[in-house]
Amino acid sequence: MEDKSLEDIRHIRQMMERSTRFISLSGMSGVIAGTAALLGSMAQYLYMSHRWTYRYYLGIDTKFITFTILNFSLVLIISLSAAWYFTSRKAKKNQQALWDGSTRRLLINLGIPLITGGIWCLILLLKGNPELVAPSTLIFYGLALINGSNFTLRDIRSLGILEIALGLVASFYLYHGLLFWAIGFGVFHIGYGTFMYFKYDRN
């Protein structure tokens, strides 16, 4: 009788968690997003290295901006596509709707810091402070993860704290932003995704 009561309580708890939290985030999507970020960072570094001549650096111009936008847009498309594919597959396996109240709450709470950070970074570029963009993206992304962790798996809070800490460190090394960006969005995502896969997805 006691075992049945405990099982009922566990079942009720799972139902309440499913109704308030989006629990179908996939670790594999983090691995793919991190890999895409590393490849994008490498492509950006190789492109920038070719812009040095034996006398001076060619600087930021239309070609540089176009390549940068296309490069990181491709990274974003790959990351979002992987997130959609693996998360929808996991949601189906968990018998959870991909779009419901918990998904909306998660996206809203992720979106507010991300949109704010995006506008802030645009202001930095317009004001001629591109060296502050990399640490700013890391900090606002970390804030978004912490904010969203209240509506999904709590593990992303730890990733958010790491991203913020890395962004603050990057603020002291402004001309190594690409390296910190690769660590934060590449290495951290691969490590986090691998951890999530073995903790939640593999079974």
Protein backbone atom coordinates (compact mmCIF):
# COMPACT_ATOMS: atom_id res chain seq x y z
CA MET A 1 0.00 0.00 0.00
CA GLU A 2 2.81 2.37 0.88
CA ASP A 3 4.64 1.59 -2.36
CA LYS A 4 1.48 2.35 -4.36
CA SER A 5 1.07 5.69 -2.58
CA LEU A 6 4.65 6.65 -3.33
CA GLU A 7 4.16 5.69 -6.97
CA ASP A 8 1.01 7.83 -7.16
CA ILE A 9 2.83 10.80 -5.63
CA ARG A 10 5.69 10.36 -8.12
CA HIS A 11 3.22 10.21 -11.01
CA ILE A 12 1.43 13.38 -9.83
CA ARG A 13 4.77 15.16 -9.49
CA GLN A 14 5.78 14.19 -13.03
CA MET A 15 2.44 15.44 -14.38
CA MET A 16 2.85 18.78 -12.59
CA GLU A 17 6.41 19.13 -13.88
CA ARG A 18 5.33 18.41 -17.45
CA SER A 19 2.62 21.07 -17.21
CA THR A 20 4.91 23.82 -15.87
CA ARG A 21 8.33 23.02 -17.35
CA PHE A 22 9.55 22.25 -20.83
CA ILE A 23 11.58 19.09 -20.17
CA SER A 24 12.32 17.99 -23.74
CA LEU A 25 15.53 19.97 -24.35
CA SER A 26 17.98 17.68 -26.12
CA GLY A 27 21.66 17.34 -25.28
CA MET A 28 22.51 16.48 -28.89
CA SER A 29 21.27 19.88 -30.07
CA GLY A 30 23.80 21.48 -27.70
CA VAL A 31 26.61 19.36 -29.12
CA ILE A 32 25.73 20.29 -32.70
CA ALA A 33 25.31 23.99 -31.82
CA GLY A 34 28.71 23.98 -30.11
CA THR A 35 30.36 22.26 -33.04
CA ALA A 36 28.82 24.77 -35.46
CA ALA A 37 30.03 27.66 -33.28
CA LEU A 38 33.58 26.28 -33.23
CA LEU A 39 33.61 25.86 -37.01
CA GLY A 40 32.17 29.33 -37.47
CA SER A 41 34.80 30.81 -35.15
CA MET A 42 37.53 29.01 -37.07
CA ALA A 43 36.21 30.32 -40.38
CA GLN A 44 36.09 33.84 -38.95
CA TYR A 45 39.64 33.57 -37.65
CA LEU A 46 40.97 32.30 -41.01
CA TYR A 47 39.17 35.09 -42.85
CA MET A 48 40.56 37.72 -40.47
CA SER A 49 44.09 36.32 -40.72
CA HIS A 50 43.99 36.74 -44.50
CA ARG A 51 43.19 40.42 -44.08
CA TRP A 52 46.63 41.18 -42.66
CA THR A 53 49.24 42.44 -45.11
CA TYR A 54 52.94 42.74 -44.40
CA ARG A 55 52.37 46.38 -43.40
CA TYR A 56 48.90 46.84 -41.92
CA TYR A 57 45.50 45.36 -41.13
CA LEU A 58 42.79 46.09 -43.70
CA GLY A 59 40.21 46.82 -40.99
CA ILE A 60 36.43 46.61 -41.01
CA ASP A 61 34.72 47.27 -44.32
CA THR A 62 31.68 46.07 -46.26
CA LYS A 63 33.28 42.75 -47.20
CA PHE A 64 34.26 42.05 -43.60
CA ILE A 65 30.77 42.86 -42.30
CA THR A 66 29.09 40.78 -45.04
CA PHE A 67 31.27 37.74 -44.34
CA THR A 68 30.74 38.05 -40.60
CA ILE A 69 26.96 38.29 -40.91
CA LEU A 70 26.76 35.36 -43.34
CA ASN A 71 29.13 33.24 -41.27
CA PHE A 72 27.38 33.62 -37.95
CA SER A 73 23.92 33.51 -39.57
CA LEU A 74 24.86 30.07 -40.88
CA VAL A 75 25.95 29.04 -37.38
CA LEU A 76 22.61 30.26 -36.01
CA ILE A 77 20.59 28.44 -38.69
CA ILE A 78 22.42 25.16 -38.06
CA SER A 79 21.99 25.53 -34.29
CA LEU A 80 18.28 26.33 -34.48
CA SER A 81 17.65 23.53 -36.98
CA ALA A 82 19.40 21.01 -34.73
CA ALA A 83 17.48 22.29 -31.69
CA TRP A 84 14.17 21.96 -33.54
CA TYR A 85 14.90 18.46 -34.85
CA PHE A 86 16.27 16.85 -31.69
CA THR A 87 13.91 18.64 -29.31
CA SER A 88 10.80 17.76 -31.33
CA ARG A 89 11.95 14.15 -31.47
CA LYS A 90 12.49 14.06 -27.71
CA ALA A 91 9.17 15.80 -27.05
CA LYS A 92 7.39 13.12 -29.10
CA LYS A 93 9.20 10.42 -27.15
CA ASN A 94 8.20 12.07 -23.86
CA GLN A 95 4.61 12.46 -25.12
CA GLN A 96 4.89 16.19 -24.55
CA ALA A 97 3.55 18.80 -26.94
CA LEU A 98 6.32 20.78 -28.61
CA TRP A 99 4.27 23.97 -28.39
CA ASP A 100 2.27 24.54 -25.21
CA GLY A 101 2.17 26.90 -22.24
CA SER A 102 5.52 25.73 -20.88
CA THR A 103 7.19 26.31 -24.26
CA ARG A 104 5.75 29.82 -24.51
CA ARG A 105 6.92 30.70 -20.99
CA LEU A 106 10.38 29.37 -21.76
CA LEU A 107 10.73 31.30 -25.02
CA ILE A 108 9.44 34.55 -23.49
CA ASN A 109 11.88 34.37 -20.59
CA LEU A 110 14.76 33.45 -22.88
CA GLY A 111 13.77 36.07 -25.42
CA ILE A 112 13.68 39.15 -23.19
CA PRO A 113 17.42 39.09 -22.26
CA LEU A 114 18.41 37.87 -25.75
CA ILE A 115 16.53 40.64 -27.58
CA THR A 116 17.82 43.23 -25.11
CA GLY A 117 21.36 41.94 -25.62
CA GLY A 118 20.96 41.99 -29.40
CA ILE A 119 19.84 45.63 -29.35
CA TRP A 120 22.70 46.50 -26.99
CA CYS A 121 25.26 44.87 -29.29
CA LEU A 122 23.81 46.75 -32.27
CA ILE A 123 24.24 50.00 -30.33
CA LEU A 124 27.85 49.06 -29.57
CA LEU A 125 28.52 48.51 -33.27
CA LEU A 126 26.86 51.77 -34.26
CA LYS A 127 28.88 53.63 -31.63
CA GLY A 128 32.14 52.10 -32.86
CA ASN A 129 32.79 49.67 -30.00
CA PRO A 130 32.86 46.24 -31.71
CA GLU A 131 35.39 44.89 -29.19
CA LEU A 132 32.63 44.89 -26.53
CA VAL A 133 30.26 42.74 -28.58
CA ALA A 134 31.77 39.33 -27.71
CA PRO A 135 31.69 39.77 -23.90
CA SER A 136 28.23 41.35 -24.14
CA THR A 137 26.79 38.41 -26.09
CA LEU A 138 28.18 35.96 -23.52
CA ILE A 139 26.80 37.92 -20.57
CA PHE A 140 23.31 38.44 -22.02
CA TYR A 141 23.16 34.82 -23.19
CA GLY A 142 24.05 33.67 -19.68
CA LEU A 143 21.34 35.91 -18.23
CA ALA A 144 18.83 34.42 -20.70
CA LEU A 145 19.74 30.87 -19.66
CA ILE A 146 19.37 31.67 -15.97
CA ASN A 147 16.05 33.39 -16.61
CA GLY A 148 14.79 30.47 -18.70
CA SER A 149 15.96 27.81 -16.24
CA ASN A 150 12.85 28.49 -14.15
CA PHE A 151 10.75 27.02 -16.96
CA THR A 152 12.85 24.08 -18.11
CA LEU A 153 15.62 21.79 -16.86
CA ARG A 154 17.49 23.41 -13.98
CA ASP A 155 20.84 22.30 -15.40
CA ILE A 156 20.96 25.21 -17.84
CA ARG A 157 21.33 27.58 -14.87
CA SER A 158 24.89 26.30 -14.36
CA LEU A 159 25.66 26.89 -18.04
CA GLY A 160 24.26 30.41 -17.72
CA ILE A 161 26.51 31.17 -14.75
CA LEU A 162 29.55 29.93 -16.68
CA GLU A 163 28.64 32.08 -19.70
CA ILE A 164 28.31 35.21 -17.53
CA ALA A 165 31.62 34.52 -15.78
CA LEU A 166 33.37 33.99 -19.11
CA GLY A 167 31.85 37.20 -20.49
CA LEU A 168 33.15 39.18 -17.51
CA VAL A 169 36.63 37.71 -17.97
CA ALA A 170 36.45 38.50 -21.70
CA SER A 171 35.77 42.13 -20.79
CA PHE A 172 39.39 42.37 -19.61
CA TYR A 173 40.72 40.93 -22.89
CA LEU A 174 38.70 42.87 -25.44
CA TYR A 175 40.85 42.01 -28.44
CA HIS A 176 40.55 38.26 -27.89
CA GLY A 177 36.76 38.26 -28.19
CA LEU A 178 36.62 35.59 -30.90
CA LEU A 179 38.52 33.15 -28.68
CA PHE A 180 36.16 33.70 -25.75
CA TRP A 181 33.18 33.48 -28.09
CA ALA A 182 34.43 30.11 -29.34
CA ILE A 183 34.87 28.86 -25.77
CA GLY A 184 31.47 30.10 -24.57
CA PHE A 185 29.31 29.12 -27.52
CA GLY A 186 31.46 26.24 -28.75
CA VAL A 187 33.29 24.38 -26.00
CA PHE A 188 30.74 25.08 -23.26
CA HIS A 189 27.84 23.96 -25.46
CA ILE A 190 29.57 20.74 -26.44
CA GLY A 191 30.39 19.98 -22.81
CA TYR A 192 26.88 20.88 -21.62
CA GLY A 193 25.22 18.94 -24.45
CA THR A 194 27.30 15.85 -23.75
CA PHE A 195 26.44 16.03 -20.05
CA MET A 196 22.73 16.44 -20.81
CA TYR A 197 22.79 13.57 -23.29
CA PHE A 198 24.22 11.09 -20.80
CA LYS A 199 22.02 12.37 -17.96
CA TYR A 200 18.66 12.59 -19.76
CA ASP A 201 18.69 11.43 -23.37
CA ARG A 202 20.59 8.15 -23.50
CA ASN A 203 17.99 6.20 -21.53
